[in-house]
N, C-alpha and C. Protein backbone atom coordinates (compact mmCIF):
# COMPACT_ATOMS: atom_id res chain seq x y z
N THR A 1 0.83 -1.18 0.00
CA THR A 1 0.00 0.00 0.00
C THR A 1 0.88 1.24 0.00
N VAL A 2 0.41 2.27 -0.62
CA VAL A 2 1.12 3.55 -0.62
C VAL A 2 0.45 4.44 0.40
N SER A 3 1.23 5.08 1.23
CA SER A 3 0.67 5.87 2.31
C SER A 3 1.47 7.15 2.50
N LYS A 4 0.78 8.21 2.85
CA LYS A 4 1.45 9.47 3.21
C LYS A 4 1.13 9.82 4.66
N THR A 5 0.66 8.82 5.41
CA THR A 5 0.32 9.06 6.80
C THR A 5 1.57 9.26 7.62
N SER A 6 1.41 9.89 8.77
CA SER A 6 2.57 10.07 9.63
C SER A 6 2.38 9.24 10.88
N GLY A 7 3.43 8.78 11.40
CA GLY A 7 3.49 7.99 12.62
C GLY A 7 4.94 7.91 13.00
N SER A 8 5.21 7.53 14.22
CA SER A 8 6.62 7.53 14.66
C SER A 8 7.48 6.60 13.83
N ALA A 9 6.99 5.41 13.50
CA ALA A 9 7.79 4.47 12.70
C ALA A 9 8.01 5.01 11.30
N ILE A 10 6.97 5.59 10.71
CA ILE A 10 7.08 6.14 9.36
C ILE A 10 8.05 7.31 9.34
N CYS A 11 7.90 8.21 10.29
CA CYS A 11 8.78 9.38 10.36
C CYS A 11 10.22 8.97 10.60
N SER A 12 10.44 7.99 11.47
CA SER A 12 11.82 7.60 11.76
C SER A 12 12.48 6.95 10.53
N ALA A 13 11.73 6.15 9.77
CA ALA A 13 12.30 5.54 8.56
C ALA A 13 12.61 6.61 7.52
N SER A 14 11.71 7.55 7.35
CA SER A 14 11.90 8.63 6.39
C SER A 14 13.07 9.53 6.80
N ASP A 15 13.12 9.87 8.08
CA ASP A 15 14.21 10.71 8.59
C ASP A 15 15.56 10.02 8.43
N LEU A 16 15.61 8.73 8.74
CA LEU A 16 16.85 7.99 8.62
C LEU A 16 17.33 7.97 7.17
N ALA A 17 16.42 7.72 6.24
CA ALA A 17 16.79 7.70 4.82
C ALA A 17 17.40 9.04 4.40
N ARG A 18 16.77 10.13 4.82
CA ARG A 18 17.28 11.46 4.45
C ARG A 18 18.63 11.75 5.09
N ARG A 19 18.79 11.35 6.35
CA ARG A 19 20.05 11.62 7.05
C ARG A 19 21.22 10.82 6.49
N LEU A 20 20.92 9.67 5.90
CA LEU A 20 22.00 8.84 5.35
C LEU A 20 22.49 9.33 4.00
N GLY A 21 21.73 10.21 3.35
CA GLY A 21 22.22 10.82 2.12
C GLY A 21 21.38 10.54 0.90
N ASP A 22 21.96 10.86 -0.25
CA ASP A 22 21.25 10.69 -1.51
C ASP A 22 21.15 9.22 -1.89
N ARG A 23 20.08 8.91 -2.60
CA ARG A 23 19.84 7.58 -3.16
C ARG A 23 19.87 6.48 -2.10
N VAL A 24 19.23 6.75 -0.96
CA VAL A 24 19.15 5.78 0.12
C VAL A 24 17.71 5.33 0.28
N VAL A 25 17.53 4.03 0.44
CA VAL A 25 16.21 3.46 0.71
C VAL A 25 16.31 2.70 2.03
N VAL A 26 15.37 2.95 2.93
CA VAL A 26 15.32 2.27 4.22
C VAL A 26 14.12 1.35 4.24
N LEU A 27 14.33 0.11 4.66
CA LEU A 27 13.25 -0.85 4.86
C LEU A 27 13.21 -1.16 6.35
N LYS A 28 12.15 -0.73 7.01
CA LYS A 28 12.00 -0.93 8.45
C LYS A 28 11.00 -2.04 8.68
N LYS A 29 11.47 -3.14 9.28
CA LYS A 29 10.59 -4.27 9.57
C LYS A 29 9.67 -3.94 10.73
N GLY A 30 8.47 -4.48 10.68
CA GLY A 30 7.52 -4.30 11.77
C GLY A 30 6.20 -4.97 11.44
N GLU A 31 5.16 -4.61 12.19
CA GLU A 31 3.83 -5.16 11.89
C GLU A 31 3.48 -4.91 10.43
N LYS A 32 3.79 -3.70 9.99
CA LYS A 32 3.77 -3.35 8.57
C LYS A 32 5.18 -2.89 8.25
N ASP A 33 5.79 -3.48 7.23
CA ASP A 33 7.13 -3.05 6.85
C ASP A 33 7.02 -1.70 6.14
N ILE A 34 7.95 -0.82 6.44
CA ILE A 34 7.91 0.54 5.90
C ILE A 34 9.13 0.75 5.01
N ILE A 35 8.89 1.26 3.80
CA ILE A 35 9.96 1.56 2.86
C ILE A 35 9.95 3.07 2.63
N ALA A 36 11.07 3.71 2.92
CA ALA A 36 11.20 5.16 2.75
C ALA A 36 12.43 5.46 1.91
N SER A 37 12.32 6.46 1.09
CA SER A 37 13.41 6.87 0.21
C SER A 37 13.89 8.26 0.62
N SER A 38 15.19 8.49 0.46
CA SER A 38 15.74 9.80 0.81
C SER A 38 15.30 10.90 -0.14
N SER A 39 14.77 10.55 -1.31
CA SER A 39 14.44 11.58 -2.28
C SER A 39 12.94 11.68 -2.57
N SER A 40 12.12 11.10 -1.71
CA SER A 40 10.68 11.12 -1.96
C SER A 40 9.92 11.23 -0.65
N ASP A 41 8.77 11.89 -0.70
CA ASP A 41 7.91 11.96 0.48
C ASP A 41 6.95 10.79 0.56
N THR A 42 6.90 9.99 -0.48
CA THR A 42 6.00 8.85 -0.49
C THR A 42 6.58 7.72 0.34
N ILE A 43 5.77 7.15 1.19
CA ILE A 43 6.16 6.04 2.04
C ILE A 43 5.37 4.82 1.56
N ILE A 44 6.05 3.72 1.35
CA ILE A 44 5.39 2.48 0.94
C ILE A 44 5.32 1.58 2.17
N GLN A 45 4.16 1.00 2.40
CA GLN A 45 4.00 0.04 3.49
C GLN A 45 3.67 -1.31 2.90
N CYS A 46 4.38 -2.33 3.34
CA CYS A 46 4.07 -3.70 2.94
C CYS A 46 3.27 -4.32 4.08
N ASP A 47 2.00 -4.52 3.83
CA ASP A 47 1.13 -5.10 4.85
C ASP A 47 0.62 -6.48 4.46
N THR A 48 1.35 -7.15 3.55
CA THR A 48 1.03 -8.51 3.18
C THR A 48 1.02 -9.37 4.44
N GLN A 49 0.02 -10.24 4.56
CA GLN A 49 -0.05 -11.10 5.74
C GLN A 49 1.16 -12.02 5.79
N GLY A 50 1.91 -11.94 6.87
CA GLY A 50 3.04 -12.83 7.09
C GLY A 50 2.65 -13.91 8.07
N SER A 51 3.62 -14.43 8.79
CA SER A 51 3.32 -15.46 9.78
C SER A 51 2.81 -14.80 11.05
N PHE A 52 2.29 -15.62 11.93
CA PHE A 52 1.84 -15.11 13.23
C PHE A 52 2.95 -15.19 14.25
N ARG A 53 4.15 -15.52 13.79
CA ARG A 53 5.31 -15.61 14.66
C ARG A 53 6.51 -15.04 13.92
N ARG A 54 7.19 -14.10 14.55
CA ARG A 54 8.45 -13.58 14.00
C ARG A 54 9.56 -14.33 14.72
N CYS A 55 10.39 -15.01 13.98
CA CYS A 55 11.47 -15.77 14.61
C CYS A 55 12.81 -15.13 14.28
N GLY A 56 13.78 -15.37 15.14
CA GLY A 56 15.13 -14.87 14.90
C GLY A 56 15.68 -15.39 13.58
N GLY A 57 16.31 -14.54 12.82
CA GLY A 57 16.90 -14.94 11.56
C GLY A 57 16.10 -14.53 10.34
N GLN A 58 14.87 -14.06 10.54
CA GLN A 58 14.09 -13.63 9.38
C GLN A 58 14.72 -12.43 8.70
N GLY A 59 15.36 -11.57 9.47
CA GLY A 59 16.05 -10.43 8.88
C GLY A 59 17.20 -10.88 7.99
N ASP A 60 17.86 -11.97 8.37
CA ASP A 60 18.93 -12.53 7.54
C ASP A 60 18.37 -13.05 6.22
N VAL A 61 17.21 -13.71 6.29
CA VAL A 61 16.57 -14.20 5.07
C VAL A 61 16.17 -13.01 4.19
N LEU A 62 15.62 -11.97 4.81
CA LEU A 62 15.24 -10.76 4.08
C LEU A 62 16.47 -10.15 3.39
N SER A 63 17.59 -10.12 4.09
CA SER A 63 18.83 -9.59 3.49
C SER A 63 19.24 -10.39 2.27
N GLY A 64 19.08 -11.69 2.32
CA GLY A 64 19.40 -12.53 1.18
C GLY A 64 18.50 -12.28 -0.01
N VAL A 65 17.21 -12.10 0.25
CA VAL A 65 16.27 -11.80 -0.83
C VAL A 65 16.61 -10.44 -1.45
N LEU A 66 16.89 -9.45 -0.60
CA LEU A 66 17.32 -8.13 -1.09
C LEU A 66 18.58 -8.25 -1.94
N ALA A 67 19.54 -9.04 -1.47
CA ALA A 67 20.80 -9.20 -2.20
C ALA A 67 20.57 -9.83 -3.56
N ALA A 68 19.65 -10.80 -3.62
CA ALA A 68 19.36 -11.45 -4.91
C ALA A 68 18.79 -10.43 -5.89
N PHE A 69 17.83 -9.64 -5.44
CA PHE A 69 17.25 -8.61 -6.32
C PHE A 69 18.30 -7.59 -6.74
N CYS A 70 19.16 -7.18 -5.81
CA CYS A 70 20.21 -6.20 -6.14
C CYS A 70 21.17 -6.78 -7.17
N ALA A 71 21.52 -8.05 -7.02
CA ALA A 71 22.41 -8.69 -8.00
C ALA A 71 21.75 -8.72 -9.37
N TRP A 72 20.46 -9.03 -9.42
CA TRP A 72 19.75 -9.03 -10.69
C TRP A 72 19.74 -7.62 -11.28
N TYR A 73 19.55 -6.62 -10.43
CA TYR A 73 19.54 -5.24 -10.91
C TYR A 73 20.88 -4.88 -11.54
N HIS A 74 21.96 -5.29 -10.89
CA HIS A 74 23.28 -4.95 -11.41
C HIS A 74 23.63 -5.72 -12.68
N ARG A 75 22.82 -6.69 -13.02
CA ARG A 75 22.94 -7.36 -14.32
C ARG A 75 21.91 -6.78 -15.27
N LYS A 76 21.59 -5.51 -15.06
CA LYS A 76 20.49 -4.87 -15.79
C LYS A 76 20.68 -4.81 -17.30
N ASP A 77 21.87 -5.13 -17.78
CA ASP A 77 22.05 -5.19 -19.23
C ASP A 77 21.03 -6.13 -19.84
N SER A 78 20.70 -7.19 -19.11
CA SER A 78 19.73 -8.14 -19.62
C SER A 78 18.30 -7.76 -19.25
N LEU A 79 18.14 -6.80 -18.33
CA LEU A 79 16.79 -6.40 -17.91
C LEU A 79 16.21 -5.31 -18.79
N HIS A 80 17.05 -4.49 -19.38
CA HIS A 80 16.63 -3.37 -20.23
C HIS A 80 15.62 -2.47 -19.52
N SER A 81 15.90 -2.14 -18.28
CA SER A 81 14.99 -1.31 -17.51
C SER A 81 15.34 0.16 -17.70
N SER A 82 14.32 0.97 -17.87
CA SER A 82 14.55 2.41 -18.00
C SER A 82 14.06 3.15 -16.75
N ALA A 83 13.65 2.42 -15.71
CA ALA A 83 13.17 3.06 -14.48
C ALA A 83 14.35 3.71 -13.77
N PRO A 84 14.10 4.86 -13.12
CA PRO A 84 15.17 5.50 -12.36
C PRO A 84 15.65 4.58 -11.25
N GLU A 85 16.94 4.65 -10.94
CA GLU A 85 17.53 3.78 -9.93
C GLU A 85 16.82 3.89 -8.59
N GLU A 86 16.43 5.09 -8.20
CA GLU A 86 15.75 5.30 -6.92
C GLU A 86 14.44 4.52 -6.87
N ASP A 87 13.66 4.56 -7.95
CA ASP A 87 12.40 3.82 -7.99
C ASP A 87 12.65 2.33 -7.90
N LEU A 88 13.72 1.86 -8.53
CA LEU A 88 14.04 0.44 -8.47
C LEU A 88 14.42 0.02 -7.06
N GLY A 89 15.12 0.87 -6.34
CA GLY A 89 15.48 0.57 -4.95
C GLY A 89 14.26 0.39 -4.08
N VAL A 90 13.29 1.26 -4.24
CA VAL A 90 12.04 1.15 -3.48
C VAL A 90 11.29 -0.11 -3.90
N SER A 91 11.26 -0.38 -5.19
CA SER A 91 10.58 -1.58 -5.69
C SER A 91 11.25 -2.85 -5.19
N ILE A 92 12.58 -2.86 -5.18
CA ILE A 92 13.33 -4.02 -4.68
C ILE A 92 13.02 -4.23 -3.20
N ALA A 93 13.01 -3.16 -2.42
CA ALA A 93 12.73 -3.29 -0.99
C ALA A 93 11.32 -3.82 -0.76
N PHE A 94 10.34 -3.28 -1.51
CA PHE A 94 8.97 -3.75 -1.34
C PHE A 94 8.84 -5.22 -1.75
N ALA A 95 9.40 -5.57 -2.89
CA ALA A 95 9.31 -6.96 -3.37
C ALA A 95 9.96 -7.91 -2.37
N SER A 96 11.08 -7.52 -1.80
CA SER A 96 11.77 -8.38 -0.84
C SER A 96 10.94 -8.57 0.42
N ALA A 97 10.37 -7.48 0.94
CA ALA A 97 9.52 -7.58 2.13
C ALA A 97 8.30 -8.45 1.84
N HIS A 98 7.70 -8.26 0.68
CA HIS A 98 6.51 -9.02 0.28
C HIS A 98 6.84 -10.51 0.19
N ILE A 99 7.94 -10.84 -0.46
CA ILE A 99 8.34 -12.24 -0.62
C ILE A 99 8.64 -12.87 0.73
N LEU A 100 9.33 -12.15 1.62
CA LEU A 100 9.61 -12.70 2.94
C LEU A 100 8.31 -12.98 3.69
N ARG A 101 7.35 -12.09 3.57
CA ARG A 101 6.07 -12.30 4.27
C ARG A 101 5.32 -13.52 3.71
N ILE A 102 5.36 -13.70 2.40
CA ILE A 102 4.74 -14.89 1.80
C ILE A 102 5.44 -16.15 2.30
N ALA A 103 6.77 -16.15 2.30
CA ALA A 103 7.54 -17.31 2.74
C ALA A 103 7.30 -17.61 4.22
N SER A 104 7.25 -16.57 5.04
CA SER A 104 7.05 -16.81 6.48
C SER A 104 5.64 -17.31 6.77
N ARG A 105 4.66 -16.83 6.01
CA ARG A 105 3.29 -17.32 6.19
C ARG A 105 3.23 -18.81 5.84
N LYS A 106 3.87 -19.20 4.73
CA LYS A 106 3.89 -20.60 4.30
C LYS A 106 4.62 -21.46 5.34
N ALA A 107 5.75 -20.98 5.83
CA ALA A 107 6.51 -21.73 6.84
C ALA A 107 5.68 -21.91 8.11
N PHE A 108 4.93 -20.89 8.49
CA PHE A 108 4.08 -20.99 9.68
C PHE A 108 2.96 -22.00 9.46
N GLU A 109 2.40 -22.01 8.23
CA GLU A 109 1.36 -23.00 7.92
C GLU A 109 1.91 -24.42 8.06
N LEU A 110 3.18 -24.62 7.69
CA LEU A 110 3.80 -25.94 7.74
C LEU A 110 4.28 -26.33 9.13
N LYS A 111 4.85 -25.38 9.87
CA LYS A 111 5.54 -25.69 11.13
C LYS A 111 4.86 -25.12 12.37
N GLY A 112 3.94 -24.20 12.20
CA GLY A 112 3.29 -23.59 13.36
C GLY A 112 4.27 -22.81 14.21
N ARG A 113 4.05 -22.83 15.50
CA ARG A 113 4.88 -22.03 16.41
C ARG A 113 6.31 -22.52 16.52
N SER A 114 6.60 -23.71 16.00
CA SER A 114 7.98 -24.21 16.04
C SER A 114 8.78 -23.76 14.82
N MET A 115 8.21 -22.87 14.00
CA MET A 115 8.86 -22.36 12.80
C MET A 115 10.20 -21.70 13.13
N LEU A 116 11.20 -22.01 12.30
CA LEU A 116 12.53 -21.40 12.42
C LEU A 116 12.84 -20.64 11.14
N ALA A 117 13.88 -19.82 11.18
CA ALA A 117 14.29 -19.08 9.99
C ALA A 117 14.64 -20.02 8.84
N SER A 118 15.20 -21.18 9.16
CA SER A 118 15.53 -22.15 8.10
C SER A 118 14.26 -22.65 7.39
N ASP A 119 13.15 -22.71 8.12
CA ASP A 119 11.88 -23.09 7.50
C ASP A 119 11.40 -22.00 6.55
N VAL A 120 11.59 -20.75 6.97
CA VAL A 120 11.23 -19.61 6.12
C VAL A 120 12.09 -19.65 4.85
N LEU A 121 13.39 -19.88 5.03
CA LEU A 121 14.31 -19.93 3.90
C LEU A 121 13.90 -21.01 2.90
N SER A 122 13.46 -22.15 3.39
CA SER A 122 13.06 -23.22 2.47
C SER A 122 11.79 -22.88 1.70
N CYS A 123 11.03 -21.90 2.17
CA CYS A 123 9.80 -21.48 1.48
C CYS A 123 10.03 -20.31 0.52
N VAL A 124 11.23 -19.75 0.51
CA VAL A 124 11.52 -18.59 -0.35
C VAL A 124 11.35 -18.91 -1.84
N PRO A 125 11.85 -20.05 -2.35
CA PRO A 125 11.67 -20.30 -3.79
C PRO A 125 10.20 -20.29 -4.22
N GLU A 126 9.34 -20.92 -3.43
CA GLU A 126 7.90 -20.91 -3.74
C GLU A 126 7.34 -19.50 -3.66
N ALA A 127 7.80 -18.72 -2.67
CA ALA A 127 7.33 -17.34 -2.53
C ALA A 127 7.76 -16.49 -3.73
N PHE A 128 9.01 -16.69 -4.21
CA PHE A 128 9.48 -16.00 -5.41
C PHE A 128 8.56 -16.35 -6.58
N HIS A 129 8.27 -17.62 -6.73
CA HIS A 129 7.42 -18.07 -7.84
C HIS A 129 6.03 -17.44 -7.75
N THR A 130 5.45 -17.43 -6.54
CA THR A 130 4.14 -16.82 -6.33
C THR A 130 4.17 -15.34 -6.69
N PHE A 131 5.22 -14.65 -6.24
CA PHE A 131 5.35 -13.22 -6.50
C PHE A 131 5.54 -12.91 -7.99
N LEU A 132 6.38 -13.70 -8.63
CA LEU A 132 6.73 -13.40 -10.02
C LEU A 132 5.70 -13.91 -11.03
N SER A 133 4.77 -14.74 -10.59
CA SER A 133 3.78 -15.25 -11.55
C SER A 133 2.51 -14.44 -11.55
């Protein structure tokens, strides 16, 4: 969802992005993940239903998903994208948060409260497929 609402989490993500400099995108995990860019007032919130349990290590899985998208972006010769880099950063952050939430929901369906980050990781390929199809 796209939102211009203000709240402490939204303001802190936006402020952090601006303080870190040009071409910075911040992804703040929470009940709703918040994506803020240093060059835009628009705040993106990822409110895709995730699991009912946040387990240690999900941030590591999220970092891996982000890294995969960034690697694909840097191979952009094959992507032929004309979108501005800043917009792609926000899109990458949103897609990564969305995919992690899909994977964690699936892992929770399979493992329940005993879900671990490794269970989330094993659900990432299916989540990528769901997202990209």
